[in-house]
Every structure is written in structure tokens, then in C-alpha cells.
Amino acid sequence: MPAPETLPVPAAAPARRKRWRTILALALLLGGAGAGGYAWWRAHQARLPEGIVSGNGRIEAQEIDIDTKFAGRVLERDVDEGDMVTAGEVVARMDTPRS
């Protein structure tokens, strides 16, 4: 029986493998550079001061109107906006005209 002829291997197969390896290496390099750039960017962001927390959500509050018995100008304010007060607590003193 005669020896079978060997078929020639096309030369394009090694070149195709080399091209895919180059593409894969470039993709890994770009991915690593992107991840490193993102990590650097996150590390250099402005940080909040100690004791301050950031987030998002919904805050619900109850607004209360305060009326006085007599008209006049505010002479002294004992609390600031946002302070917690209890019922009956003096929050301001009025300069009322005495008649």
C-alpha cells in the first residue's frame, strides 16, 4: 500500500492565532488600565468630614406654626432652626409695648 500523501498545513493558522493572542493581550491591558484608573479616581475623591454620613432617601418632618398672644418684635431667640424643643419650652422672648 502506498504511503498517504500529507496535506500541506495552511500558513494562515499560526498568523490567526498570533492575532487573537495580540487582541486578548491588548484587551487585558486596557481592562487593567481602566480598573487602575477607576481605583485611582475613587481614592482621590473628596471625602466627607468625620461624623458626617451621606446617602439618599426620604426624610419626613412635621411643620408646626407658632403664634404669639401679643404683637411685638423678637427681642431674644433661645433656640436655632432645627433644634428639638418640648411643649411649654421658651423659644424666644418678645419686646412687647407695655400700656
PDB file of N, CA and C in Angstrom:
ATOM      1  N   MET A   1       0.851  -1.145   0.000  1.00  0.00           N
ATOM      2  CA  MET A   1       0.000   0.000   0.000  1.00  0.00           C
ATOM      3  C   MET A   1       0.912   1.227   0.000  1.00  0.00           C
ATOM      4  N   PRO A   2       0.587   2.182  -0.843  1.00  0.00           N
ATOM      5  CA  PRO A   2       1.439   3.363  -0.923  1.00  0.00           C
ATOM      6  C   PRO A   2       1.208   4.283   0.275  1.00  0.00           C
ATOM      7  N   ALA A   3       2.197   5.043   0.651  1.00  0.00           N
ATOM      8  CA  ALA A   3       2.108   5.966   1.793  1.00  0.00           C
ATOM      9  C   ALA A   3       1.141   7.108   1.447  1.00  0.00           C
ATOM     10  N   PRO A   4       0.254   7.426   2.382  1.00  0.00           N
ATOM     11  CA  PRO A   4      -0.693   8.517   2.087  1.00  0.00           C
ATOM     12  C   PRO A   4       0.053   9.848   2.005  1.00  0.00           C
ATOM     13  N   GLU A   5      -0.453  10.681   1.148  1.00  0.00           N
ATOM     14  CA  GLU A   5       0.171  11.985   0.983  1.00  0.00           C
ATOM     15  C   GLU A   5      -0.240  12.881   2.151  1.00  0.00           C
ATOM     16  N   THR A   6       0.682  13.620   2.620  1.00  0.00           N
ATOM     17  CA  THR A   6       0.361  14.552   3.692  1.00  0.00           C
ATOM     18  C   THR A   6      -0.065  15.868   3.066  1.00  0.00           C
ATOM     19  N   LEU A   7      -1.129  16.396   3.632  1.00  0.00           N
ATOM     20  CA  LEU A   7      -1.639  17.644   3.097  1.00  0.00           C
ATOM     21  C   LEU A   7      -0.857  18.813   3.706  1.00  0.00           C
ATOM     22  N   PRO A   8      -0.608  19.817   2.929  1.00  0.00           N
ATOM     23  CA  PRO A   8       0.126  20.961   3.469  1.00  0.00           C
ATOM     24  C   PRO A   8      -0.771  21.746   4.451  1.00  0.00           C
ATOM     25  N   VAL A   9      -0.174  22.198   5.521  1.00  0.00           N
ATOM     26  CA  VAL A   9      -0.895  22.987   6.526  1.00  0.00           C
ATOM     27  C   VAL A   9      -0.922  24.436   6.047  1.00  0.00           C
ATOM     28  N   PRO A  10      -2.112  25.023   6.043  1.00  0.00           N
ATOM     29  CA  PRO A  10      -2.154  26.418   5.591  1.00  0.00           C
ATOM     30  C   PRO A  10      -1.355  27.323   6.537  1.00  0.00           C
ATOM     31  N   ALA A  11      -0.691  28.293   5.996  1.00  0.00           N
ATOM     32  CA  ALA A  11       0.158  29.193   6.764  1.00  0.00           C
ATOM     33  C   ALA A  11      -0.664  30.227   7.545  1.00  0.00           C
ATOM     34  N   ALA A  12      -1.964  30.363   7.248  1.00  0.00           N
ATOM     35  CA  ALA A  12      -2.788  31.381   7.894  1.00  0.00           C
ATOM     36  C   ALA A  12      -3.124  31.010   9.344  1.00  0.00           C
ATOM     37  N   ALA A  13      -3.112  29.729   9.701  1.00  0.00           N
ATOM     38  CA  ALA A  13      -3.499  29.307  11.048  1.00  0.00           C
ATOM     39  C   ALA A  13      -2.577  29.897  12.122  1.00  0.00           C
ATOM     40  N   PRO A  14      -1.264  29.831  12.029  1.00  0.00           N
ATOM     41  CA  PRO A  14      -0.423  30.439  13.064  1.00  0.00           C
ATOM     42  C   PRO A  14      -0.578  31.961  13.114  1.00  0.00           C
ATOM     43  N   ALA A  15      -0.742  32.592  11.972  1.00  0.00           N
ATOM     44  CA  ALA A  15      -0.902  34.047  11.954  1.00  0.00           C
ATOM     45  C   ALA A  15      -2.227  34.432  12.637  1.00  0.00           C
ATOM     46  N   ARG A  16      -3.283  33.648  12.447  1.00  0.00           N
ATOM     47  CA  ARG A  16      -4.585  33.922  13.066  1.00  0.00           C
ATOM     48  C   ARG A  16      -4.483  33.777  14.581  1.00  0.00           C
ATOM     49  N   ARG A  17      -3.785  32.744  15.053  1.00  0.00           N
ATOM     50  CA  ARG A  17      -3.601  32.554  16.495  1.00  0.00           C
ATOM     51  C   ARG A  17      -2.832  33.721  17.109  1.00  0.00           C
ATOM     52  N   LYS A  18      -1.794  34.152  16.401  1.00  0.00           N
ATOM     53  CA  LYS A  18      -0.985  35.252  16.899  1.00  0.00           C
ATOM     54  C   LYS A  18      -1.817  36.537  16.986  1.00  0.00           C
ATOM     55  N   ARG A  19      -2.698  36.763  16.004  1.00  0.00           N
ATOM     56  CA  ARG A  19      -3.539  37.948  16.016  1.00  0.00           C
ATOM     57  C   ARG A  19      -4.504  37.902  17.205  1.00  0.00           C
ATOM     58  N   TRP A  20      -5.103  36.747  17.483  1.00  0.00           N
ATOM     59  CA  TRP A  20      -6.025  36.622  18.618  1.00  0.00           C
ATOM     60  C   TRP A  20      -5.305  36.800  19.947  1.00  0.00           C
ATOM     61  N   ARG A  21      -4.098  36.304  20.033  1.00  0.00           N
ATOM     62  CA  ARG A  21      -3.315  36.495  21.263  1.00  0.00           C
ATOM     63  C   ARG A  21      -3.008  37.975  21.473  1.00  0.00           C
ATOM     64  N   THR A  22      -2.684  38.674  20.406  1.00  0.00           N
ATOM     65  CA  THR A  22      -2.404  40.105  20.492  1.00  0.00           C
ATOM     66  C   THR A  22      -3.657  40.870  20.919  1.00  0.00           C
ATOM     67  N   ILE A  23      -4.811  40.519  20.337  1.00  0.00           N
ATOM     68  CA  ILE A  23      -6.071  41.169  20.697  1.00  0.00           C
ATOM     69  C   ILE A  23      -6.407  40.900  22.156  1.00  0.00           C
ATOM     70  N   LEU A  24      -6.234  39.665  22.613  1.00  0.00           N
ATOM     71  CA  LEU A  24      -6.509  39.312  24.005  1.00  0.00           C
ATOM     72  C   LEU A  24      -5.570  40.060  24.956  1.00  0.00           C
ATOM     73  N   ALA A  25      -4.292  40.144  24.602  1.00  0.00           N
ATOM     74  CA  ALA A  25      -3.327  40.861  25.444  1.00  0.00           C
ATOM     75  C   ALA A  25      -3.687  42.346  25.522  1.00  0.00           C
ATOM     76  N   LEU A  26      -4.081  42.943  24.409  1.00  0.00           N
ATOM     77  CA  LEU A  26      -4.480  44.354  24.418  1.00  0.00           C
ATOM     78  C   LEU A  26      -5.745  44.567  25.246  1.00  0.00           C
ATOM     79  N   ALA A  27      -6.705  43.651  25.135  1.00  0.00           N
ATOM     80  CA  ALA A  27      -7.939  43.767  25.910  1.00  0.00           C
ATOM     81  C   ALA A  27      -7.646  43.664  27.408  1.00  0.00           C
ATOM     82  N   LEU A  28      -6.786  42.749  27.799  1.00  0.00           N
ATOM     83  CA  LEU A  28      -6.414  42.624  29.207  1.00  0.00           C
ATOM     84  C   LEU A  28      -5.660  43.865  29.688  1.00  0.00           C
ATOM     85  N   LEU A  29      -4.789  44.390  28.854  1.00  0.00           N
ATOM     86  CA  LEU A  29      -4.031  45.587  29.214  1.00  0.00           C
ATOM     87  C   LEU A  29      -4.962  46.790  29.386  1.00  0.00           C
ATOM     88  N   LEU A  30      -5.891  46.966  28.453  1.00  0.00           N
ATOM     89  CA  LEU A  30      -6.842  48.077  28.564  1.00  0.00           C
ATOM     90  C   LEU A  30      -7.773  47.898  29.761  1.00  0.00           C
ATOM     91  N   GLY A  31      -8.211  46.674  30.022  1.00  0.00           N
ATOM     92  CA  GLY A  31      -9.059  46.418  31.185  1.00  0.00           C
ATOM     93  C   GLY A  31      -8.324  46.708  32.482  1.00  0.00           C
ATOM     94  N   GLY A  32      -7.081  46.298  32.567  1.00  0.00           N
ATOM     95  CA  GLY A  32      -6.283  46.578  33.762  1.00  0.00           C
ATOM     96  C   GLY A  32      -6.031  48.067  33.940  1.00  0.00           C
ATOM     97  N   ALA A  33      -5.761  48.759  32.836  1.00  0.00           N
ATOM     98  CA  ALA A  33      -5.549  50.205  32.911  1.00  0.00           C
ATOM     99  C   ALA A  33      -6.837  50.905  33.336  1.00  0.00           C
ATOM    100  N   GLY A  34      -7.972  50.455  32.819  1.00  0.00           N
ATOM    101  CA  GLY A  34      -9.252  51.046  33.219  1.00  0.00           C
ATOM    102  C   GLY A  34      -9.546  50.811  34.688  1.00  0.00           C
ATOM    103  N   ALA A  35      -9.309  49.606  35.175  1.00  0.00           N
ATOM    104  CA  ALA A  35      -9.551  49.295  36.593  1.00  0.00           C
ATOM    105  C   ALA A  35      -8.602  50.110  37.484  1.00  0.00           C
ATOM    106  N   GLY A  36      -7.355  50.236  37.068  1.00  0.00           N
ATOM    107  CA  GLY A  36      -6.408  51.039  37.838  1.00  0.00           C
ATOM    108  C   GLY A  36      -6.785  52.511  37.843  1.00  0.00           C
ATOM    109  N   GLY A  37      -7.233  53.030  36.714  1.00  0.00           N
ATOM    110  CA  GLY A  37      -7.670  54.420  36.637  1.00  0.00           C
ATOM    111  C   GLY A  37      -8.886  54.676  37.511  1.00  0.00           C
ATOM    112  N   TYR A  38      -9.820  53.737  37.524  1.00  0.00           N
ATOM    113  CA  TYR A  38     -11.016  53.885  38.364  1.00  0.00           C
ATOM    114  C   TYR A  38     -10.623  53.852  39.842  1.00  0.00           C
ATOM    115  N   ALA A  39      -9.740  52.963  40.221  1.00  0.00           N
ATOM    116  CA  ALA A  39      -9.296  52.883  41.618  1.00  0.00           C
ATOM    117  C   ALA A  39      -8.583  54.170  42.024  1.00  0.00           C
ATOM    118  N   TRP A  40      -7.753  54.734  41.155  1.00  0.00           N
ATOM    119  CA  TRP A  40      -7.070  55.988  41.445  1.00  0.00           C
ATOM    120  C   TRP A  40      -8.076  57.113  41.601  1.00  0.00           C
ATOM    121  N   TRP A  41      -9.074  57.171  40.703  1.00  0.00           N
ATOM    122  CA  TRP A  41     -10.094  58.217  40.753  1.00  0.00           C
ATOM    123  C   TRP A  41     -10.890  58.143  42.054  1.00  0.00           C
ATOM    124  N   ARG A  42     -11.277  56.924  42.467  1.00  0.00           N
ATOM    125  CA  ARG A  42     -12.039  56.755  43.704  1.00  0.00           C
ATOM    126  C   ARG A  42     -11.205  57.151  44.931  1.00  0.00           C
ATOM    127  N   ALA A  43      -9.907  56.876  44.886  1.00  0.00           N
ATOM    128  CA  ALA A  43      -9.049  57.190  46.024  1.00  0.00           C
ATOM    129  C   ALA A  43      -8.845  58.699  46.173  1.00  0.00           C
ATOM    130  N   HIS A  44      -8.989  59.457  45.109  1.00  0.00           N
ATOM    131  CA  HIS A  44      -8.750  60.894  45.155  1.00  0.00           C
ATOM    132  C   HIS A  44     -10.034  61.723  45.195  1.00  0.00           C
ATOM    133  N   GLN A  45     -11.159  61.103  45.457  1.00  0.00           N
ATOM    134  CA  GLN A  45     -12.416  61.839  45.602  1.00  0.00           C
ATOM    135  C   GLN A  45     -12.443  62.543  46.949  1.00  0.00           C
ATOM    136  N   ALA A  46     -13.157  63.667  47.005  1.00  0.00           N
ATOM    137  CA  ALA A  46     -13.283  64.410  48.261  1.00  0.00           C
ATOM    138  C   ALA A  46     -14.057  63.572  49.269  1.00  0.00           C
ATOM    139  N   ARG A  47     -13.533  63.488  50.451  1.00  0.00           N
ATOM    140  CA  ARG A  47     -14.182  62.695  51.499  1.00  0.00           C
ATOM    141  C   ARG A  47     -14.936  63.619  52.439  1.00  0.00           C
ATOM    142  N   LEU A  48     -16.014  63.103  53.029  1.00  0.00           N
ATOM    143  CA  LEU A  48     -16.789  63.875  53.993  1.00  0.00           C
ATOM    144  C   LEU A  48     -16.039  63.945  55.313  1.00  0.00           C
ATOM    145  N   PRO A  49     -16.253  65.013  56.077  1.00  0.00           N
ATOM    146  CA  PRO A  49     -15.601  65.105  57.387  1.00  0.00           C
ATOM    147  C   PRO A  49     -16.050  63.976  58.314  1.00  0.00           C
ATOM    148  N   GLU A  50     -15.243  63.697  59.312  1.00  0.00           N
ATOM    149  CA  GLU A  50     -15.542  62.645  60.281  1.00  0.00           C
ATOM    150  C   GLU A  50     -16.876  62.944  60.972  1.00  0.00           C
ATOM    151  N   GLY A  51     -17.742  61.954  61.060  1.00  0.00           N
ATOM    152  CA  GLY A  51     -19.024  62.120  61.730  1.00  0.00           C
ATOM    153  C   GLY A  51     -20.154  62.523  60.800  1.00  0.00           C
ATOM    154  N   ILE A  52     -19.856  62.773  59.518  1.00  0.00           N
ATOM    155  CA  ILE A  52     -20.882  63.137  58.547  1.00  0.00           C
ATOM    156  C   ILE A  52     -21.109  61.937  57.638  1.00  0.00           C
ATOM    157  N   VAL A  53     -22.372  61.614  57.419  1.00  0.00           N
ATOM    158  CA  VAL A  53     -22.719  60.456  56.598  1.00  0.00           C
ATOM    159  C   VAL A  53     -23.518  60.939  55.403  1.00  0.00           C
ATOM    160  N   SER A  54     -23.307  60.333  54.263  1.00  0.00           N
ATOM    161  CA  SER A  54     -24.034  60.695  53.054  1.00  0.00           C
ATOM    162  C   SER A  54     -24.889  59.519  52.617  1.00  0.00           C
ATOM    163  N   GLY A  55     -25.993  59.823  52.008  1.00  0.00           N
ATOM    164  CA  GLY A  55     -26.867  58.785  51.491  1.00  0.00           C
ATOM    165  C   GLY A  55     -28.023  59.442  50.778  1.00  0.00           C
ATOM    166  N   ASN A  56     -28.927  58.636  50.313  1.00  0.00           N
ATOM    167  CA  ASN A  56     -30.123  59.216  49.729  1.00  0.00           C
ATOM    168  C   ASN A  56     -31.336  58.507  50.302  1.00  0.00           C
ATOM    169  N   GLY A  57     -32.430  59.148  50.254  1.00  0.00           N
ATOM    170  CA  GLY A  57     -33.639  58.580  50.824  1.00  0.00           C
ATOM    171  C   GLY A  57     -34.662  59.673  51.026  1.00  0.00           C
ATOM    172  N   ARG A  58     -35.585  59.427  51.899  1.00  0.00           N
ATOM    173  CA  ARG A  58     -36.663  60.376  52.139  1.00  0.00           C
ATOM    174  C   ARG A  58     -36.712  60.701  53.619  1.00  0.00           C
ATOM    175  N   ILE A  59     -36.797  61.978  53.916  1.00  0.00           N
ATOM    176  CA  ILE A  59     -36.926  62.421  55.297  1.00  0.00           C
ATOM    177  C   ILE A  59     -38.300  63.062  55.438  1.00  0.00           C
ATOM    178  N   GLU A  60     -39.024  62.618  56.411  1.00  0.00           N
ATOM    179  CA  GLU A  60     -40.337  63.195  56.652  1.00  0.00           C
ATOM    180  C   GLU A  60     -40.282  64.034  57.916  1.00  0.00           C
ATOM    181  N   ALA A  61     -40.918  65.200  57.865  1.00  0.00           N
ATOM    182  CA  ALA A  61     -40.923  66.108  59.009  1.00  0.00           C
ATOM    183  C   ALA A  61     -42.332  66.650  59.191  1.00  0.00           C
ATOM    184  N   GLN A  62     -42.576  67.154  60.364  1.00  0.00           N
ATOM    185  CA  GLN A  62     -43.862  67.755  60.664  1.00  0.00           C
ATOM    186  C   GLN A  62     -43.629  69.239  60.899  1.00  0.00           C
ATOM    187  N   GLU A  63     -44.293  70.084  60.117  1.00  0.00           N
ATOM    188  CA  GLU A  63     -44.135  71.525  60.249  1.00  0.00           C
ATOM    189  C   GLU A  63     -45.176  72.051  61.225  1.00  0.00           C
ATOM    190  N   ILE A  64     -44.725  72.886  62.141  1.00  0.00           N
ATOM    191  CA  ILE A  64     -45.618  73.434  63.156  1.00  0.00           C
ATOM    192  C   ILE A  64     -45.514  74.950  63.108  1.00  0.00           C
ATOM    193  N   ASP A  65     -46.649  75.625  63.037  1.00  0.00           N
ATOM    194  CA  ASP A  65     -46.689  77.079  63.078  1.00  0.00           C
ATOM    195  C   ASP A  65     -46.819  77.533  64.526  1.00  0.00           C
ATOM    196  N   ILE A  66     -46.117  78.596  64.864  1.00  0.00           N
ATOM    197  CA  ILE A  66     -46.148  79.121  66.224  1.00  0.00           C
ATOM    198  C   ILE A  66     -46.765  80.519  66.184  1.00  0.00           C
ATOM    199  N   ASP A  67     -47.711  80.756  67.052  1.00  0.00           N
ATOM    200  CA  ASP A  67     -48.339  82.078  67.164  1.00  0.00           C
ATOM    201  C   ASP A  67     -48.053  82.642  68.546  1.00  0.00           C
ATOM    202  N   THR A  68     -48.061  83.975  68.613  1.00  0.00           N
ATOM    203  CA  THR A  68     -47.896  84.635  69.910  1.00  0.00           C
ATOM    204  C   THR A  68     -49.218  85.261  70.334  1.00  0.00           C
ATOM    205  N   LYS A  69     -49.349  85.508  71.611  1.00  0.00           N
ATOM    206  CA  LYS A  69     -50.572  86.120  72.129  1.00  0.00           C
ATOM    207  C   LYS A  69     -50.580  87.634  71.885  1.00  0.00           C
ATOM    208  N   PHE A  70     -49.391  88.243  71.853  1.00  0.00           N
ATOM    209  CA  PHE A  70     -49.289  89.681  71.694  1.00  0.00           C
ATOM    210  C   PHE A  70     -48.372  89.993  70.517  1.00  0.00           C
ATOM    211  N   ALA A  71     -48.646  91.115  69.862  1.00  0.00           N
ATOM    212  CA  ALA A  71     -47.789  91.552  68.767  1.00  0.00           C
ATOM    213  C   ALA A  71     -46.542  92.220  69.326  1.00  0.00           C
ATOM    214  N   GLY A  72     -45.443  92.095  68.624  1.00  0.00           N
ATOM    215  CA  GLY A  72     -44.206  92.737  69.056  1.00  0.00           C
ATOM    216  C   GLY A  72     -43.017  92.213  68.274  1.00  0.00           C
ATOM    217  N   ARG A  73     -41.860  92.737  68.579  1.00  0.00           N
ATOM    218  CA  ARG A  73     -40.617  92.300  67.919  1.00  0.00           C
ATOM    219  C   ARG A  73     -39.917  91.252  68.770  1.00  0.00           C
ATOM    220  N   VAL A  74     -39.173  90.389  68.083  1.00  0.00           N
ATOM    221  CA  VAL A  74     -38.409  89.364  68.795  1.00  0.00           C
ATOM    222  C   VAL A  74     -37.208  90.042  69.441  1.00  0.00           C
ATOM    223  N   LEU A  75     -37.106  89.918  70.740  1.00  0.00           N
ATOM    224  CA  LEU A  75     -36.018  90.524  71.493  1.00  0.00           C
ATOM    225  C   LEU A  75     -34.838  89.559  71.629  1.00  0.00           C
ATOM    226  N   GLU A  76     -35.153  88.294  71.886  1.00  0.00           N
ATOM    227  CA  GLU A  76     -34.103  87.295  72.132  1.00  0.00           C
ATOM    228  C   GLU A  76     -34.606  85.938  71.628  1.00  0.00           C
ATOM    229  N   ARG A  77     -33.736  85.225  70.939  1.00  0.00           N
ATOM    230  CA  ARG A  77     -34.089  83.894  70.416  1.00  0.00           C
ATOM    231  C   ARG A  77     -33.240  82.867  71.158  1.00  0.00           C
ATOM    232  N   ASP A  78     -33.894  81.901  71.802  1.00  0.00           N
ATOM    233  CA  ASP A  78     -33.190  80.928  72.642  1.00  0.00           C
ATOM    234  C   ASP A  78     -32.818  79.631  71.919  1.00  0.00           C
ATOM    235  N   VAL A  79     -33.437  79.352  70.783  1.00  0.00           N
ATOM    236  CA  VAL A  79     -33.143  78.119  70.044  1.00  0.00           C
ATOM    237  C   VAL A  79     -32.873  78.470  68.589  1.00  0.00           C
ATOM    238  N   ASP A  80     -32.226  77.571  67.901  1.00  0.00           N
ATOM    239  CA  ASP A  80     -31.952  77.742  66.476  1.00  0.00           C
ATOM    240  C   ASP A  80     -32.884  76.863  65.663  1.00  0.00           C
ATOM    241  N   GLU A  81     -32.984  77.148  64.381  1.00  0.00           N
ATOM    242  CA  GLU A  81     -33.812  76.348  63.489  1.00  0.00           C
ATOM    243  C   GLU A  81     -33.292  74.913  63.464  1.00  0.00           C
ATOM    244  N   GLY A  82     -34.200  73.980  63.627  1.00  0.00           N
ATOM    245  CA  GLY A  82     -33.834  72.560  63.613  1.00  0.00           C
ATOM    246  C   GLY A  82     -33.610  71.975  64.987  1.00  0.00           C
ATOM    247  N   ASP A  83     -33.532  72.814  66.031  1.00  0.00           N
ATOM    248  CA  ASP A  83     -33.356  72.302  67.392  1.00  0.00           C
ATOM    249  C   ASP A  83     -34.639  71.603  67.854  1.00  0.00           C
ATOM    250  N   MET A  84     -34.477  70.587  68.663  1.00  0.00           N
ATOM    251  CA  MET A  84     -35.626  69.887  69.244  1.00  0.00           C
ATOM    252  C   MET A  84     -36.086  70.656  70.477  1.00  0.00           C
ATOM    253  N   VAL A  85     -37.386  70.889  70.579  1.00  0.00           N
ATOM    254  CA  VAL A  85     -37.961  71.577  71.729  1.00  0.00           C
ATOM    255  C   VAL A  85     -39.113  70.752  72.267  1.00  0.00           C
ATOM    256  N   THR A  86     -39.464  71.028  73.503  1.00  0.00           N
ATOM    257  CA  THR A  86     -40.598  70.322  74.117  1.00  0.00           C
ATOM    258  C   THR A  86     -41.733  71.307  74.334  1.00  0.00           C
ATOM    259  N   ALA A  87     -42.914  70.791  74.575  1.00  0.00           N
ATOM    260  CA  ALA A  87     -44.084  71.635  74.786  1.00  0.00           C
ATOM    261  C   ALA A  87     -43.872  72.503  76.016  1.00  0.00           C
ATOM    262  N   GLY A  88     -44.166  73.793  75.894  1.00  0.00           N
ATOM    263  CA  GLY A  88     -44.032  74.711  77.006  1.00  0.00           C
ATOM    264  C   GLY A  88     -42.661  75.345  77.136  1.00  0.00           C
ATOM    265  N   GLU A  89     -41.684  74.924  76.354  1.00  0.00           N
ATOM    266  CA  GLU A  89     -40.334  75.485  76.434  1.00  0.00           C
ATOM    267  C   GLU A  89     -40.315  76.868  75.790  1.00  0.00           C
ATOM    268  N   VAL A  90     -39.602  77.802  76.404  1.00  0.00           N
ATOM    269  CA  VAL A  90     -39.486  79.154  75.860  1.00  0.00           C
ATOM    270  C   VAL A  90     -38.484  79.115  74.711  1.00  0.00           C
ATOM    271  N   VAL A  91     -38.940  79.545  73.526  1.00  0.00           N
ATOM    272  CA  VAL A  91     -38.051  79.530  72.361  1.00  0.00           C
ATOM    273  C   VAL A  91     -37.598  80.941  71.991  1.00  0.00           C
ATOM    274  N   ALA A  92     -38.345  81.979  72.413  1.00  0.00           N
ATOM    275  CA  ALA A  92     -37.971  83.354  72.128  1.00  0.00           C
ATOM    276  C   ALA A  92     -38.633  84.277  73.125  1.00  0.00           C
ATOM    277  N   ARG A  93     -38.074  85.464  73.268  1.00  0.00           N
ATOM    278  CA  ARG A  93     -38.654  86.499  74.137  1.00  0.00           C
ATOM    279  C   ARG A  93     -39.048  87.659  73.246  1.00  0.00           C
ATOM    280  N   MET A  94     -40.237  88.175  73.494  1.00  0.00           N
ATOM    281  CA  MET A  94     -40.796  89.252  72.684  1.00  0.00           C
ATOM    282  C   MET A  94     -40.620  90.598  73.388  1.00  0.00           C
ATOM    283  N   ASP A  95     -40.424  91.629  72.621  1.00  0.00           N
ATOM    284  CA  ASP A  95     -40.374  93.000  73.125  1.00  0.00           C
ATOM    285  C   ASP A  95     -41.754  93.600  72.877  1.00  0.00           C
ATOM    286  N   THR A  96     -42.604  93.449  73.845  1.00  0.00           N
ATOM    287  CA  THR A  96     -43.985  93.920  73.688  1.00  0.00           C
ATOM    288  C   THR A  96     -44.128  95.300  74.303  1.00  0.00           C
ATOM    289  N   PRO A  97     -44.907  96.172  73.653  1.00  0.00           N
ATOM    290  CA  PRO A  97     -45.126  97.506  74.235  1.00  0.00           C
ATOM    291  C   PRO A  97     -46.005  97.384  75.458  1.00  0.00           C
ATOM    292  N   ARG A  98     -45.630  98.042  76.508  1.00  0.00           N
ATOM    293  CA  ARG A  98     -46.427  97.986  77.761  1.00  0.00           C
ATOM    294  C   ARG A  98     -47.344  99.200  77.776  1.00  0.00           C
ATOM    295  N   SER A  99     -48.618  98.943  77.993  1.00  0.00           N
ATOM    296  CA  SER A  99     -49.545 100.057  78.049  1.00  0.00           C
ATOM    297  C   SER A  99     -50.170 100.199  79.400  1.00  0.00           C
TER     298      SER A  99
END
